[in-house]
Amino acid sequence: MNIFLIITIFFLAIPGVVLAFSVDHVDISIDEMGNAAVQMNYQANHIEVGAYSLATVVMDVKNVAKERLEAVFQKTVSVQEISPSSTRFVVQDFAQVENETIITPSFEYLDAEMLFDERLKWIKDALSLDFTPKITKIQFLDGYYESFENLDAIPEIIHTLMK
């Protein structure tokens, strides 16, 4: 399953905005039903913050984010918050649950090349973009977690809940 950050999609929908975008943390919390609560924290410069503010005036950013995320995950998504510094959303049925074992899917953060429309490749070529989070943390309801630093491909995790 390919996953890319909603904020990246959002900012790329506004021409010329992704200048210094960097993702600090992606925290994914898996519940007993296999749903994933995702919290992304990132850095936005003053131009990106201004573009975000303008976008909230001209469009329903939560609805746009929901549509894009559902297309990526092929699952129901609810978006709780989008701000200039973070995004929170829930992906229904993200992981498989088999008795007391939870299996998260492997996934990749897409290369910047994949995010640009052919007509806008010149923008990507003019910038040095890397959308891989500094840290991706996947946590389960019993407190167990795995953390990955600067990885663009996150492996499947099979975890049996501790009682």
C-alpha atoms as a PDB file:
ATOM      1  CA  MET A   1       0.000   0.000   0.000  1.00  0.00           C
ATOM      2  CA  ASN A   2       1.422   3.394  -0.945  1.00  0.00           C
ATOM      3  CA  ILE A   3       0.830   6.174   1.536  1.00  0.00           C
ATOM      4  CA  PHE A   4       1.725   9.800   1.220  1.00  0.00           C
ATOM      5  CA  LEU A   5       1.104  12.555   3.654  1.00  0.00           C
ATOM      6  CA  ILE A   6      -2.136  14.466   3.265  1.00  0.00           C
ATOM      7  CA  ILE A   7      -0.475  17.713   3.997  1.00  0.00           C
ATOM      8  CA  THR A   8       1.903  17.089   1.123  1.00  0.00           C
ATOM      9  CA  ILE A   9      -1.031  16.536  -1.191  1.00  0.00           C
ATOM     10  CA  PHE A  10      -2.740  19.595   0.182  1.00  0.00           C
ATOM     11  CA  PHE A  11       0.290  21.843  -0.289  1.00  0.00           C
ATOM     12  CA  LEU A  12       1.016  20.446  -3.746  1.00  0.00           C
ATOM     13  CA  ALA A  13      -2.516  21.335  -4.798  1.00  0.00           C
ATOM     14  CA  ILE A  14      -1.505  24.972  -4.339  1.00  0.00           C
ATOM     15  CA  PRO A  15       1.159  25.876  -6.951  1.00  0.00           C
ATOM     16  CA  GLY A  16       4.495  27.111  -5.657  1.00  0.00           C
ATOM     17  CA  VAL A  17       3.879  26.449  -1.971  1.00  0.00           C
ATOM     18  CA  VAL A  18       6.133  23.510  -1.108  1.00  0.00           C
ATOM     19  CA  LEU A  19       9.417  25.272  -0.512  1.00  0.00           C
ATOM     20  CA  ALA A  20      10.886  23.880   2.693  1.00  0.00           C
ATOM     21  CA  PHE A  21       8.300  21.405   3.858  1.00  0.00           C
ATOM     22  CA  SER A  22       9.698  18.800   6.244  1.00  0.00           C
ATOM     23  CA  VAL A  23       7.953  16.108   8.253  1.00  0.00           C
ATOM     24  CA  ASP A  24       9.164  15.670  11.817  1.00  0.00           C
ATOM     25  CA  HIS A  25       6.997  12.867  13.226  1.00  0.00           C
ATOM     26  CA  VAL A  26       4.254  10.541  12.106  1.00  0.00           C
ATOM     27  CA  ASP A  27       2.607   8.801  15.056  1.00  0.00           C
ATOM     28  CA  ILE A  28       0.195   5.973  14.260  1.00  0.00           C
ATOM     29  CA  SER A  29      -1.848   4.508  17.120  1.00  0.00           C
ATOM     30  CA  ILE A  30      -3.647   1.240  16.411  1.00  0.00           C
ATOM     31  CA  ASP A  31      -6.800   0.429  18.397  1.00  0.00           C
ATOM     32  CA  GLU A  32      -8.412  -2.951  19.173  1.00  0.00           C
ATOM     33  CA  MET A  33     -10.501  -2.806  15.965  1.00  0.00           C
ATOM     34  CA  GLY A  34      -7.487  -2.140  13.719  1.00  0.00           C
ATOM     35  CA  ASN A  35      -8.285   1.543  13.184  1.00  0.00           C
ATOM     36  CA  ALA A  36      -5.288   3.882  12.964  1.00  0.00           C
ATOM     37  CA  ALA A  37      -5.242   7.329  14.540  1.00  0.00           C
ATOM     38  CA  VAL A  38      -2.553   9.227  12.654  1.00  0.00           C
ATOM     39  CA  GLN A  39      -0.858  12.367  13.971  1.00  0.00           C
ATOM     40  CA  MET A  40       1.596  14.141  11.668  1.00  0.00           C
ATOM     41  CA  ASN A  41       3.771  16.995  12.861  1.00  0.00           C
ATOM     42  CA  TYR A  42       5.694  19.065  10.349  1.00  0.00           C
ATOM     43  CA  GLN A  43       7.481  22.335   9.795  1.00  0.00           C
ATOM     44  CA  ALA A  44       5.921  25.004   7.593  1.00  0.00           C
ATOM     45  CA  ASN A  45       7.581  28.259   6.642  1.00  0.00           C
ATOM     46  CA  HIS A  46       5.743  31.604   6.566  1.00  0.00           C
ATOM     47  CA  ILE A  47       4.796  31.202   2.886  1.00  0.00           C
ATOM     48  CA  GLU A  48       3.274  27.775   3.538  1.00  0.00           C
ATOM     49  CA  VAL A  49       1.376  29.095   6.575  1.00  0.00           C
ATOM     50  CA  GLY A  50       0.021  31.939   4.436  1.00  0.00           C
ATOM     51  CA  ALA A  51      -1.000  29.528   1.684  1.00  0.00           C
ATOM     52  CA  TYR A  52      -2.751  27.332   4.258  1.00  0.00           C
ATOM     53  CA  SER A  53      -4.677  30.328   5.604  1.00  0.00           C
ATOM     54  CA  LEU A  54      -5.739  31.313   2.096  1.00  0.00           C
ATOM     55  CA  ALA A  55      -6.736  27.738   1.261  1.00  0.00           C
ATOM     56  CA  THR A  56      -9.028  27.564   4.306  1.00  0.00           C
ATOM     57  CA  VAL A  57     -10.897  30.572   2.936  1.00  0.00           C
ATOM     58  CA  VAL A  58     -11.385  29.205  -0.590  1.00  0.00           C
ATOM     59  CA  MET A  59     -11.966  25.498   0.098  1.00  0.00           C
ATOM     60  CA  ASP A  60     -13.061  22.978   2.699  1.00  0.00           C
ATOM     61  CA  VAL A  61      -9.599  21.609   3.497  1.00  0.00           C
ATOM     62  CA  LYS A  62     -10.923  18.792   5.686  1.00  0.00           C
ATOM     63  CA  ASN A  63     -13.178  17.549   2.907  1.00  0.00           C
ATOM     64  CA  VAL A  64     -10.380  17.746   0.322  1.00  0.00           C
ATOM     65  CA  ALA A  65      -8.074  15.889   2.711  1.00  0.00           C
ATOM     66  CA  LYS A  66     -10.715  13.217   3.351  1.00  0.00           C
ATOM     67  CA  GLU A  67     -11.218  12.620  -0.379  1.00  0.00           C
ATOM     68  CA  ARG A  68      -7.473  12.383  -1.096  1.00  0.00           C
ATOM     69  CA  LEU A  69      -6.764  10.126   1.889  1.00  0.00           C
ATOM     70  CA  GLU A  70      -9.611   7.770   1.048  1.00  0.00           C
ATOM     71  CA  ALA A  71      -8.259   7.491  -2.501  1.00  0.00           C
ATOM     72  CA  VAL A  72      -4.816   6.591  -1.136  1.00  0.00           C
ATOM     73  CA  PHE A  73      -5.884   4.175   1.600  1.00  0.00           C
ATOM     74  CA  GLN A  74      -8.934   2.753  -0.178  1.00  0.00           C
ATOM     75  CA  LYS A  75     -10.588   2.880   3.260  1.00  0.00           C
ATOM     76  CA  THR A  76     -12.896   5.212   5.166  1.00  0.00           C
ATOM     77  CA  VAL A  77     -11.020   8.166   6.680  1.00  0.00           C
ATOM     78  CA  SER A  78     -12.149  10.869   9.087  1.00  0.00           C
ATOM     79  CA  VAL A  79     -10.089  14.034   9.339  1.00  0.00           C
ATOM     80  CA  GLN A  80     -10.084  15.642  12.791  1.00  0.00           C
ATOM     81  CA  GLU A  81      -7.652  18.521  12.290  1.00  0.00           C
ATOM     82  CA  ILE A  82      -5.453  20.175   9.711  1.00  0.00           C
ATOM     83  CA  SER A  83      -3.273  23.100  10.747  1.00  0.00           C
ATOM     84  CA  PRO A  84      -0.034  24.707   9.584  1.00  0.00           C
ATOM     85  CA  SER A  85       1.898  22.439  11.983  1.00  0.00           C
ATOM     86  CA  SER A  86      -0.044  19.173  12.193  1.00  0.00           C
ATOM     87  CA  THR A  87      -2.691  16.901  10.743  1.00  0.00           C
ATOM     88  CA  ARG A  88      -4.803  14.334  12.605  1.00  0.00           C
ATOM     89  CA  PHE A  89      -6.978  11.705  10.965  1.00  0.00           C
ATOM     90  CA  VAL A  90      -8.298   8.175  11.504  1.00  0.00           C
ATOM     91  CA  VAL A  91      -8.097   5.364   8.943  1.00  0.00           C
ATOM     92  CA  GLN A  92     -10.781   2.721   9.535  1.00  0.00           C
ATOM     93  CA  ASP A  93      -9.635  -0.923   9.328  1.00  0.00           C
ATOM     94  CA  PHE A  94      -6.009   0.051   8.735  1.00  0.00           C
ATOM     95  CA  ALA A  95      -4.682  -3.122  10.390  1.00  0.00           C
ATOM     96  CA  GLN A  96      -5.953  -6.696  10.478  1.00  0.00           C
ATOM     97  CA  VAL A  97      -7.065  -8.031  13.840  1.00  0.00           C
ATOM     98  CA  GLU A  98      -6.949 -11.784  14.428  1.00  0.00           C
ATOM     99  CA  ASN A  99      -7.847 -12.687  18.023  1.00  0.00           C
ATOM    100  CA  GLU A 100      -5.189 -10.895  20.111  1.00  0.00           C
ATOM    101  CA  THR A 101      -2.830 -10.322  17.177  1.00  0.00           C
ATOM    102  CA  ILE A 102      -2.747  -7.082  15.182  1.00  0.00           C
ATOM    103  CA  ILE A 103      -1.037  -6.950  11.791  1.00  0.00           C
ATOM    104  CA  THR A 104      -0.244  -3.550  10.329  1.00  0.00           C
ATOM    105  CA  PRO A 105       0.358  -3.328   6.594  1.00  0.00           C
ATOM    106  CA  SER A 106       3.734  -2.420   5.168  1.00  0.00           C
ATOM    107  CA  PHE A 107       3.685   0.906   3.377  1.00  0.00           C
ATOM    108  CA  GLU A 108       5.867   3.430   1.625  1.00  0.00           C
ATOM    109  CA  TYR A 109       5.992   7.176   1.702  1.00  0.00           C
ATOM    110  CA  LEU A 110       5.898   8.163  -1.947  1.00  0.00           C
ATOM    111  CA  ASP A 111       8.808   9.817  -3.647  1.00  0.00           C
ATOM    112  CA  ALA A 112       8.222  13.491  -4.469  1.00  0.00           C
ATOM    113  CA  GLU A 113       8.359  12.552  -8.164  1.00  0.00           C
ATOM    114  CA  MET A 114       5.083  10.644  -7.758  1.00  0.00           C
ATOM    115  CA  LEU A 115       3.254  13.642  -6.294  1.00  0.00           C
ATOM    116  CA  PHE A 116       3.722  16.110  -9.123  1.00  0.00           C
ATOM    117  CA  ASP A 117       1.535  16.468 -12.164  1.00  0.00           C
ATOM    118  CA  GLU A 118       3.592  16.150 -15.366  1.00  0.00           C
ATOM    119  CA  ARG A 119       3.026  19.853 -16.100  1.00  0.00           C
ATOM    120  CA  LEU A 120       4.536  20.783 -12.718  1.00  0.00           C
ATOM    121  CA  LYS A 121       7.659  18.580 -12.781  1.00  0.00           C
ATOM    122  CA  TRP A 122       9.790  21.695 -13.282  1.00  0.00           C
ATOM    123  CA  ILE A 123       8.796  22.837  -9.782  1.00  0.00           C
ATOM    124  CA  LYS A 124       9.921  19.545  -8.251  1.00  0.00           C
ATOM    125  CA  ASP A 125      13.157  19.689 -10.225  1.00  0.00           C
ATOM    126  CA  ALA A 126      13.849  23.179  -8.859  1.00  0.00           C
ATOM    127  CA  LEU A 127      13.414  22.016  -5.263  1.00  0.00           C
ATOM    128  CA  SER A 128      15.072  19.418  -3.087  1.00  0.00           C
ATOM    129  CA  LEU A 129      12.096  17.591  -1.581  1.00  0.00           C
ATOM    130  CA  ASP A 130      12.030  14.591   0.704  1.00  0.00           C
ATOM    131  CA  PHE A 131       8.736  13.690   2.358  1.00  0.00           C
ATOM    132  CA  THR A 132      10.127  10.904   4.531  1.00  0.00           C
ATOM    133  CA  PRO A 133       9.406  11.626   8.212  1.00  0.00           C
ATOM    134  CA  LYS A 134      12.319  11.912  10.582  1.00  0.00           C
ATOM    135  CA  ILE A 135      10.472   9.459  12.858  1.00  0.00           C
ATOM    136  CA  THR A 136       7.528   7.148  12.231  1.00  0.00           C
ATOM    137  CA  LYS A 137       6.143   5.546  15.382  1.00  0.00           C
ATOM    138  CA  ILE A 138       3.500   2.818  15.375  1.00  0.00           C
ATOM    139  CA  GLN A 139       1.945   2.177  18.782  1.00  0.00           C
ATOM    140  CA  PHE A 140      -0.497  -0.481  19.938  1.00  0.00           C
ATOM    141  CA  LEU A 141      -3.116  -0.194  22.686  1.00  0.00           C
ATOM    142  CA  ASP A 142      -1.047  -2.250  25.161  1.00  0.00           C
ATOM    143  CA  GLY A 143       1.773   0.323  24.969  1.00  0.00           C
ATOM    144  CA  TYR A 144       4.055  -1.670  22.669  1.00  0.00           C
ATOM    145  CA  TYR A 145       5.494   0.397  19.816  1.00  0.00           C
ATOM    146  CA  GLU A 146       8.029   0.310  17.032  1.00  0.00           C
ATOM    147  CA  SER A 147       9.858   3.377  15.808  1.00  0.00           C
ATOM    148  CA  PHE A 148      11.539   3.975  12.457  1.00  0.00           C
ATOM    149  CA  GLU A 149      13.968   6.805  11.718  1.00  0.00           C
ATOM    150  CA  ASN A 150      14.212   8.332   8.242  1.00  0.00           C
ATOM    151  CA  LEU A 151      12.691   5.287   6.533  1.00  0.00           C
ATOM    152  CA  ASP A 152      10.595   5.706   3.423  1.00  0.00           C
ATOM    153  CA  ALA A 153       9.367   2.078   3.608  1.00  0.00           C
ATOM    154  CA  ILE A 154       7.728   0.886   6.820  1.00  0.00           C
ATOM    155  CA  PRO A 155       7.552  -2.902   7.250  1.00  0.00           C
ATOM    156  CA  GLU A 156       4.542  -4.963   8.283  1.00  0.00           C
ATOM    157  CA  ILE A 157       4.318  -5.347  12.053  1.00  0.00           C
ATOM    158  CA  ILE A 158       2.790  -8.413  13.678  1.00  0.00           C
ATOM    159  CA  HIS A 159       2.086  -7.813  17.360  1.00  0.00           C
ATOM    160  CA  THR A 160       0.263 -10.021  19.854  1.00  0.00           C
ATOM    161  CA  LEU A 161      -1.290  -7.872  22.564  1.00  0.00           C
ATOM    162  CA  MET A 162      -0.061  -8.397  26.105  1.00  0.00           C
ATOM    163  CA  LYS A 163      -2.723  -8.938  28.720  1.00  0.00           C
END
